[in-house]
Each structure stands twice: as structure tokens, then as C-alpha cells.
Amino acid sequence: MVPLPAQSTLQRQLDALEARLVAAPEEIEAALHDLVSQAERAGDIQAQGRALVILGGSLFHQRRFPEVVRKNELALELARRTGDRGLESRALDGLGIGKQKMGLYGQAFEHYTQSLQLSRTLRDHLSVVRTLSHLAYLYRVHRQFEQAMTLLAEAQDLLLRHRHPRYALAVSGNLVWTHIDAGNYQQALAITHLFLPEALDQPGMRYAVPFYCAQAICYLRLKRLPEALTCATRAMQEAERQLDSDADAVSLVTMAEVLFAMNEFSRAEELLHRALGRAELGGSEMARANVRAKLAQVYAGPGNQQQAFAYARHFFEVQEQRRDGSDDPLGMVRFPPPAR
């Protein structure tokens, strides 16, 4: 029988795999499954729980959201059995992001607020930043822009004292889209110009596409179509270079919006059908519904009301299916501010 690695060796292996989480989620999945089993056999519950959380991250980047929830539920059970509050916080945040992607916003909110409370108690600053950004997204979805910006300001303040480039870009991107949804296009543009060079410097440039898309939408809302078209084109070029299906779908939708504003309905329709194909392969149900809502808009433009109605009906059917009193994608529920 091959001897099991020592606990410290397990943790080192997990460190190495976690470093590859964003860049190679599919490649590390099998190794993470193996480390979960090894840690369980070795009786290393801490390593087992951490492996489950990282595995949940791998599954998240593969858009397998129900599995993300299951892995983090197992990790949460282990954390609470052993009293590992750091692991509990991470598992709760993982549960939140999984539920969020499934459209279960009320449940996600509960998981995030519990995670945030634990992270603040533990003074785990980067975990606080991550969960603040996730919570801000939920407030933005429910059009509680002031609350979202308050949380993002707190996250930015922490990042000034505890620097982390990836989190800085994620928080800044979240703030950009919050300003866009609130109608503050000049403020959003200013932030994109500030952080886009840093996004381009990151390995793989996976953050550059959302910033270019945000710029395109800002210019579009400001009636500056040439600049919007330029930024949407750059977004598509970067997405193609990255071979990232998520970035590709976002860039396709953005370009379609610009083309729609230019009355190029057939080209916009073509791009949205391509984006829908990407979303059907692995996007969240809400992502698929949102692309269909934009297709409805494109078909309504030249007067094709029958197809427009069909796509719009599907969007609202998904919205209504998700509404159960606590999970409300239509934004009727108002979330209270998280406790300090």
C-alpha cells in the first residue's frame, strides 16, 4: 500500500492546485478529487474541507453550479463539526456564489452575510473583500445601488491596506457595472480608464474583456457610437485571444447591443444567437434568459413581434419560476444592510 502524504504535504499540494484554479479549472479537477479522498483516509479534516472548497471553485469555473453547492455543503459540515471558522467562512461564500448563479438570490444573501460576519471576526481581510463584492452584486441586481457602492467602498479601502491585484480588478469591475446600472456613465468610464491598463497586464487578460465591454456600454448610453463600436470590437478581439467562452459570450452580447443601436438588426441577431449557444453549453439559467430578452429586443426593432414575444415570454417565465418569496430576480425584495 502506498503511504499517504503527510498532512503538510497535502496542504502544499492544495496550495499548488489553488494557484491554478482560475487558469486551469478542468485540468486540476481530478487531482482535487484525489486529494479529497486522500485527506479523508488520512483523517485530515481541515485538508479535506479545503480540498472540497477548492474543488467547488474548479466546478464554478466550469459552470457546474449545483455541484458547487454540494461540495461546499460538505465542506461546511466538516467545518462546523471541527469548529474551523475559517473553513466555515469559505464554504459559506462558496455556497453563496453557487446559489447566486442558480438564481437563488435570497439564499445566496444569507450565506454571504454569515460568511462576512465570520471573516470580519477572524480579520481575514481578503475573504471580507471577496464577500463584500459578492454581496454588492446582489444589491445591484435588486437596484439598491447606494448599499452596493457602500460595500464596494469598504472593499476598496481594505485593498489599499492589503493589496491583491486580482481582487482589486474584481471589485473595481463590480463598481463599474454598479455605476452603469445606476446611470452614472461618466463615473464608470473614469474607473475603466484607471484600471484597464492593470487588467491588460494580468496573465491571460481575463479582466480586460469586461472593462472593454463596460466602456462600450458607457459610450453607447452617452450616444457616442464610434467609441462604443471600437471598444466592443476590442472586447471581441480579446475574448477570441483568450479562448474563454464566458468572455466570448459577454463580448458578443455587448457588440450586439451596439449593432442594435446602429439599426443593424440582422448582425445583432446573429451575434446573440451565438451568445445563446455559449450560454446553453454551460451558462446559468439567468444568463440564458437574459440573452433571450435581448433577442426579443432585436426582433422587436424591425417589427418581428411574434418572435420578440416568444423570446420575451421565456425570459419572464424564468423570472417567475425563480420567485418564491425569498429568491426574487425581479428585484422586488429589498435586502437589509449586513451587520457590522
Protein backbone atom coordinates (compact mmCIF):
# COMPACT_ATOMS: atom_id res chain seq x y z
CA MET A 1 0.00 0.00 0.00
CA VAL A 2 1.37 3.40 -1.00
CA PRO A 3 1.87 5.57 2.12
CA LEU A 4 -0.34 8.62 2.34
CA PRO A 5 1.26 12.04 2.13
CA ALA A 6 1.83 13.85 5.37
CA GLN A 7 -0.71 16.50 6.26
CA SER A 8 1.74 19.28 5.45
CA THR A 9 2.29 17.69 2.03
CA LEU A 10 -1.46 17.68 1.41
CA GLN A 11 -1.64 21.37 2.21
CA ARG A 12 1.28 22.13 -0.11
CA GLN A 13 -0.44 20.21 -2.90
CA LEU A 14 -3.62 22.19 -2.29
CA ASP A 15 -1.66 25.44 -2.39
CA ALA A 16 -0.26 24.49 -5.80
CA LEU A 17 -3.66 23.48 -7.18
CA GLU A 18 -5.41 26.57 -5.83
CA ALA A 19 -2.85 28.74 -7.63
CA ARG A 20 -4.03 27.14 -10.90
CA LEU A 21 -7.73 27.41 -10.10
CA VAL A 22 -8.67 30.25 -12.44
CA ALA A 23 -6.33 29.34 -15.29
CA ALA A 24 -6.89 25.57 -15.39
CA PRO A 25 -10.11 24.55 -13.57
CA GLU A 26 -10.75 21.45 -15.68
CA GLU A 27 -7.16 20.21 -15.55
CA ILE A 28 -6.98 20.27 -11.73
CA GLU A 29 -10.40 18.71 -11.05
CA ALA A 30 -9.22 15.08 -10.98
CA ALA A 31 -6.29 15.91 -8.69
CA LEU A 32 -8.65 17.71 -6.29
CA HIS A 33 -11.00 14.72 -6.15
CA ASP A 34 -7.98 12.57 -5.35
CA LEU A 35 -6.83 14.92 -2.57
CA VAL A 36 -10.30 14.93 -1.02
CA SER A 37 -10.09 11.12 -0.80
CA GLN A 38 -6.50 11.16 0.46
CA ALA A 39 -7.30 13.68 3.18
CA GLU A 40 -10.35 11.69 4.28
CA ARG A 41 -8.31 8.48 4.56
CA ALA A 42 -5.57 10.33 6.45
CA GLY A 43 -8.13 11.81 8.86
CA ASP A 44 -7.05 15.34 7.90
CA ILE A 45 -10.44 17.02 8.07
CA GLN A 46 -9.00 20.50 7.55
CA ALA A 47 -7.32 19.47 4.29
CA GLN A 48 -10.42 17.56 3.22
CA GLY A 49 -12.63 20.60 3.75
CA ARG A 50 -10.22 22.92 1.99
CA ALA A 51 -9.95 20.50 -0.94
CA LEU A 52 -13.74 20.46 -1.22
CA VAL A 53 -13.89 24.27 -1.29
CA ILE A 54 -11.19 24.48 -3.98
CA LEU A 55 -12.96 21.73 -5.91
CA GLY A 56 -16.10 23.83 -5.68
CA GLY A 57 -14.12 26.67 -7.24
CA SER A 58 -12.99 24.41 -10.07
CA LEU A 59 -16.59 23.37 -10.73
CA PHE A 60 -17.70 27.01 -10.56
CA HIS A 61 -15.32 27.98 -13.36
CA GLN A 62 -16.76 25.06 -15.34
CA ARG A 63 -20.27 26.47 -14.69
CA ARG A 64 -21.45 23.32 -12.85
CA PHE A 65 -23.29 25.29 -10.20
CA PRO A 66 -25.38 22.57 -8.46
CA GLU A 67 -22.15 20.63 -7.89
CA VAL A 68 -20.54 23.78 -6.46
CA VAL A 69 -23.32 23.89 -3.89
CA ARG A 70 -22.94 20.21 -2.97
CA LYS A 71 -19.15 20.40 -2.46
CA ASN A 72 -19.43 23.49 -0.28
CA GLU A 73 -22.25 21.93 1.75
CA LEU A 74 -19.91 19.02 2.54
CA ALA A 75 -17.11 21.43 3.44
CA LEU A 76 -19.47 23.42 5.66
CA GLU A 77 -20.49 20.25 7.50
CA LEU A 78 -16.83 19.39 8.16
CA ALA A 79 -16.05 22.96 9.26
CA ARG A 80 -18.87 23.04 11.78
CA ARG A 81 -18.00 19.58 13.07
CA THR A 82 -14.44 20.65 13.83
CA GLY A 83 -15.04 24.31 14.70
CA ASP A 84 -12.84 25.53 11.83
CA ARG A 85 -14.32 29.01 11.41
CA GLY A 86 -12.03 29.98 8.54
CA LEU A 87 -13.17 26.96 6.53
CA GLU A 88 -16.77 27.68 7.51
CA SER A 89 -16.46 31.20 6.11
CA ARG A 90 -15.02 29.98 2.82
CA ALA A 91 -17.65 27.26 2.45
CA LEU A 92 -20.46 29.76 3.12
CA ASP A 93 -19.08 32.10 0.47
CA GLY A 94 -18.83 29.18 -1.96
CA LEU A 95 -22.43 28.24 -1.21
CA GLY A 96 -23.43 31.83 -1.83
CA ILE A 97 -21.84 32.06 -5.26
CA GLY A 98 -23.31 28.70 -6.28
CA LYS A 99 -26.82 29.70 -5.19
CA GLN A 100 -26.40 33.11 -6.82
CA LYS A 101 -25.59 31.53 -10.18
CA MET A 102 -28.67 29.34 -9.82
CA GLY A 103 -30.79 32.47 -9.35
CA LEU A 104 -31.45 31.74 -5.65
CA TYR A 105 -30.57 35.24 -4.53
CA GLY A 106 -32.25 35.18 -1.13
CA GLN A 107 -30.37 32.05 -0.09
CA ALA A 108 -27.14 33.47 -1.50
CA PHE A 109 -27.65 36.62 0.57
CA GLU A 110 -27.98 34.58 3.78
CA HIS A 111 -24.81 32.60 3.04
CA TYR A 112 -22.84 35.73 2.18
CA THR A 113 -23.88 37.63 5.30
CA GLN A 114 -22.91 34.69 7.53
CA SER A 115 -19.56 34.38 5.73
CA LEU A 116 -18.92 38.11 6.05
CA GLN A 117 -19.61 38.10 9.77
CA LEU A 118 -17.16 35.23 10.31
CA SER A 119 -14.47 36.78 8.09
CA ARG A 120 -14.68 40.09 9.92
CA THR A 121 -14.39 38.31 13.27
CA LEU A 122 -11.33 36.41 12.04
CA ARG A 123 -9.83 39.56 10.43
CA ASP A 124 -9.48 37.60 7.20
CA HIS A 125 -9.27 40.72 5.07
CA LEU A 126 -9.21 39.14 1.61
CA SER A 127 -12.20 36.94 2.45
CA VAL A 128 -14.01 40.07 3.65
CA VAL A 129 -13.20 41.77 0.33
CA ARG A 130 -14.41 38.80 -1.70
CA THR A 131 -17.71 38.51 0.14
CA LEU A 132 -18.32 42.27 0.15
CA SER A 133 -18.01 42.20 -3.64
CA HIS A 134 -20.40 39.25 -3.91
CA LEU A 135 -22.94 40.96 -1.67
CA ALA A 136 -22.63 44.17 -3.66
CA TYR A 137 -23.63 42.25 -6.78
CA LEU A 138 -26.85 41.12 -5.11
CA TYR A 139 -27.67 44.66 -4.03
CA ARG A 140 -27.00 45.83 -7.60
CA VAL A 141 -29.32 43.17 -9.04
CA HIS A 142 -32.02 44.44 -6.67
CA ARG A 143 -31.24 48.05 -7.66
CA GLN A 144 -30.04 49.00 -4.18
CA PHE A 145 -27.15 50.94 -5.68
CA GLU A 146 -26.27 53.02 -2.62
CA GLN A 147 -25.84 49.92 -0.49
CA ALA A 148 -23.80 48.20 -3.21
CA MET A 149 -21.45 51.18 -3.50
CA THR A 150 -21.05 51.37 0.27
CA LEU A 151 -19.88 47.75 0.38
CA LEU A 152 -17.55 48.22 -2.59
CA ALA A 153 -16.05 51.34 -0.97
CA GLU A 154 -15.29 49.28 2.14
CA ALA A 155 -13.71 46.59 -0.05
CA GLN A 156 -11.55 49.16 -1.83
CA ASP A 157 -10.43 50.63 1.48
CA LEU A 158 -9.32 47.17 2.64
CA LEU A 159 -7.48 46.59 -0.64
CA LEU A 160 -5.50 49.80 -0.14
CA ARG A 161 -4.12 48.25 3.05
CA HIS A 162 -3.99 44.60 1.94
CA ARG A 163 -3.04 44.69 -1.73
CA HIS A 164 -4.22 41.92 -4.05
CA PRO A 165 -4.33 42.70 -7.82
CA ARG A 166 -6.97 40.10 -8.77
CA TYR A 167 -9.39 41.23 -6.09
CA ALA A 168 -8.72 44.89 -6.90
CA LEU A 169 -9.78 44.30 -10.50
CA ALA A 170 -12.83 42.27 -9.49
CA VAL A 171 -14.01 44.92 -7.03
CA SER A 172 -13.37 47.74 -9.50
CA GLY A 173 -15.22 45.90 -12.24
CA ASN A 174 -18.16 45.37 -9.90
CA LEU A 175 -18.15 49.09 -9.09
CA VAL A 176 -18.08 49.96 -12.80
CA TRP A 177 -21.20 47.90 -13.53
CA THR A 178 -22.94 49.28 -10.46
CA HIS A 179 -22.38 52.80 -11.78
CA ILE A 180 -23.61 51.72 -15.22
CA ASP A 181 -26.81 50.22 -13.82
CA ALA A 182 -27.31 53.38 -11.75
CA GLY A 183 -26.88 55.54 -14.86
CA ASN A 184 -23.56 57.05 -13.81
CA TYR A 185 -21.78 56.52 -17.12
CA GLN A 186 -19.05 59.14 -16.76
CA GLN A 187 -18.04 57.76 -13.35
CA ALA A 188 -17.99 54.23 -14.76
CA LEU A 189 -15.81 55.32 -17.68
CA ALA A 190 -13.33 57.02 -15.35
CA ILE A 191 -12.89 53.80 -13.38
CA THR A 192 -12.39 51.71 -16.53
CA HIS A 193 -9.68 54.06 -17.80
CA LEU A 194 -7.95 53.83 -14.42
CA PHE A 195 -7.94 50.03 -14.17
CA LEU A 196 -7.85 48.80 -17.79
CA PRO A 197 -4.02 49.01 -18.06
CA GLU A 198 -3.73 46.81 -14.96
CA ALA A 199 -6.31 44.39 -16.37
CA LEU A 200 -4.27 44.09 -19.58
CA ASP A 201 -1.15 43.29 -17.54
CA GLN A 202 -2.78 40.32 -15.78
CA PRO A 203 -1.94 36.80 -17.04
CA GLY A 204 -4.48 35.74 -19.63
CA MET A 205 -6.03 39.23 -19.54
CA ARG A 206 -9.34 37.71 -18.41
CA TYR A 207 -10.31 41.01 -16.76
CA ALA A 208 -9.75 43.12 -19.86
CA VAL A 209 -12.88 41.94 -21.69
CA PRO A 210 -15.39 43.11 -19.02
CA PHE A 211 -13.67 46.51 -18.86
CA TYR A 212 -13.82 46.94 -22.65
CA CYS A 213 -17.48 45.83 -22.60
CA ALA A 214 -18.23 48.34 -19.85
CA GLN A 215 -16.61 51.10 -21.86
CA ALA A 216 -18.68 50.13 -24.90
CA ILE A 217 -21.92 50.26 -22.91
CA CYS A 218 -20.99 53.63 -21.37
CA TYR A 219 -20.23 55.16 -24.76
CA LEU A 220 -23.43 53.64 -26.13
CA ARG A 221 -25.53 55.23 -23.38
CA LEU A 222 -23.74 58.53 -23.95
CA LYS A 223 -24.68 58.37 -27.68
CA ARG A 224 -21.05 58.08 -28.74
CA LEU A 225 -21.44 55.20 -31.19
CA PRO A 226 -17.99 55.25 -32.85
CA GLU A 227 -16.25 54.87 -29.47
CA ALA A 228 -18.78 52.19 -28.44
CA LEU A 229 -18.07 50.20 -31.60
CA THR A 230 -14.30 50.48 -31.09
CA CYS A 231 -14.50 49.20 -27.51
CA ALA A 232 -16.91 46.38 -28.40
CA THR A 233 -14.54 45.31 -31.18
CA ARG A 234 -11.60 45.25 -28.77
CA ALA A 235 -13.65 43.19 -26.33
CA MET A 236 -14.37 40.58 -29.02
CA GLN A 237 -10.71 40.51 -30.09
CA GLU A 238 -9.50 39.95 -26.50
CA ALA A 239 -12.17 37.27 -25.89
CA GLU A 240 -11.10 35.43 -29.02
CA ARG A 241 -7.45 35.62 -27.97
CA GLN A 242 -8.28 34.21 -24.52
CA LEU A 243 -10.38 31.31 -25.83
CA ASP A 244 -12.69 31.99 -22.86
CA SER A 245 -16.33 31.04 -23.54
CA ASP A 246 -17.69 33.32 -20.79
CA ALA A 247 -15.76 36.34 -22.05
CA ASP A 248 -16.77 35.44 -25.59
CA ALA A 249 -20.47 35.43 -24.68
CA VAL A 250 -20.25 38.79 -22.87
CA SER A 251 -18.42 40.39 -25.78
CA LEU A 252 -20.96 39.02 -28.28
CA VAL A 253 -23.87 40.46 -26.30
CA THR A 254 -22.11 43.82 -25.99
CA MET A 255 -21.39 44.05 -29.71
CA ALA A 256 -24.99 43.05 -30.43
CA GLU A 257 -26.22 45.96 -28.30
CA VAL A 258 -24.02 48.37 -30.23
CA LEU A 259 -25.17 46.98 -33.58
CA PHE A 260 -28.79 47.21 -32.46
CA ALA A 261 -28.28 50.91 -31.71
CA MET A 262 -26.89 51.25 -35.24
CA ASN A 263 -30.06 49.56 -36.61
CA GLU A 264 -28.04 46.59 -37.85
CA PHE A 265 -30.64 44.12 -36.61
CA SER A 266 -29.61 41.05 -38.60
CA ARG A 267 -25.97 41.23 -37.44
CA ALA A 268 -27.10 41.80 -33.85
CA GLU A 269 -29.43 38.79 -34.12
CA GLU A 270 -26.59 36.61 -35.42
CA LEU A 271 -24.29 37.54 -32.54
CA LEU A 272 -26.98 37.00 -29.92
CA HIS A 273 -27.73 33.52 -31.27
CA ARG A 274 -24.01 32.75 -30.98
CA ALA A 275 -24.05 34.09 -27.40
CA LEU A 276 -27.12 31.98 -26.64
CA GLY A 277 -25.26 28.92 -27.90
CA ARG A 278 -22.40 29.67 -25.50
CA ALA A 279 -24.86 30.13 -22.63
CA GLU A 280 -26.69 26.90 -23.47
CA LEU A 281 -23.41 24.99 -23.18
CA GLY A 282 -22.86 25.93 -19.56
CA GLY A 283 -24.08 29.35 -18.51
CA SER A 284 -26.52 29.95 -15.70
CA GLU A 285 -30.23 29.82 -16.40
CA MET A 286 -30.49 33.55 -15.77
CA ALA A 287 -27.69 34.19 -18.29
CA ARG A 288 -29.62 32.25 -20.93
CA ALA A 289 -32.80 34.14 -20.06
CA ASN A 290 -31.03 37.50 -20.34
CA VAL A 291 -29.70 36.71 -23.82
CA ARG A 292 -33.23 35.74 -24.87
CA ALA A 293 -34.51 39.06 -23.52
CA LYS A 294 -32.02 40.90 -25.73
CA LEU A 295 -33.08 38.75 -28.70
CA ALA A 296 -36.65 39.86 -28.03
CA GLN A 297 -35.48 43.47 -28.23
CA VAL A 298 -33.66 42.83 -31.51
CA TYR A 299 -36.67 41.14 -33.09
CA ALA A 300 -38.99 43.92 -31.91
CA GLY A 301 -36.75 46.55 -33.55
CA PRO A 302 -37.69 45.75 -37.17
CA GLY A 303 -41.23 44.77 -36.13
CA ASN A 304 -40.97 40.97 -35.84
CA GLN A 305 -43.37 40.90 -32.90
CA GLN A 306 -44.14 37.18 -32.92
CA GLN A 307 -40.52 36.12 -32.38
CA ALA A 308 -39.95 39.01 -30.00
CA PHE A 309 -42.87 37.83 -27.87
CA ALA A 310 -41.60 34.23 -27.84
CA TYR A 311 -38.17 35.21 -26.52
CA ALA A 312 -39.58 37.74 -24.03
CA ARG A 313 -42.05 35.17 -22.71
CA HIS A 314 -39.24 32.73 -21.92
CA PHE A 315 -37.36 35.46 -20.03
CA PHE A 316 -40.33 36.27 -17.81
CA GLU A 317 -41.16 32.58 -17.30
CA VAL A 318 -37.66 32.02 -15.88
CA GLN A 319 -38.00 35.11 -13.70
CA GLU A 320 -41.32 33.91 -12.29
CA GLN A 321 -40.01 30.38 -11.70
CA ARG A 322 -37.23 31.83 -9.56
CA ARG A 323 -39.55 33.97 -7.46
CA ASP A 324 -40.53 32.11 -4.27
CA GLY A 325 -40.79 34.95 -1.77
CA SER A 326 -37.15 34.98 -0.76
CA ASP A 327 -35.43 34.46 -4.12
CA ASP A 328 -36.55 37.28 -6.35
CA PRO A 329 -34.63 38.10 -9.54
CA LEU A 330 -37.15 40.79 -10.43
CA GLY A 331 -35.71 42.89 -7.63
CA MET A 332 -38.86 43.22 -5.52
CA VAL A 333 -37.14 42.05 -2.32
CA ARG A 334 -35.01 44.65 -0.53
CA PHE A 335 -32.07 43.19 1.33
CA PRO A 336 -31.14 44.78 4.68
CA PRO A 337 -27.57 46.04 5.17
CA PRO A 338 -25.24 43.33 6.56
CA ALA A 339 -24.40 43.63 10.24
CA ARG A 340 -21.05 45.18 11.10
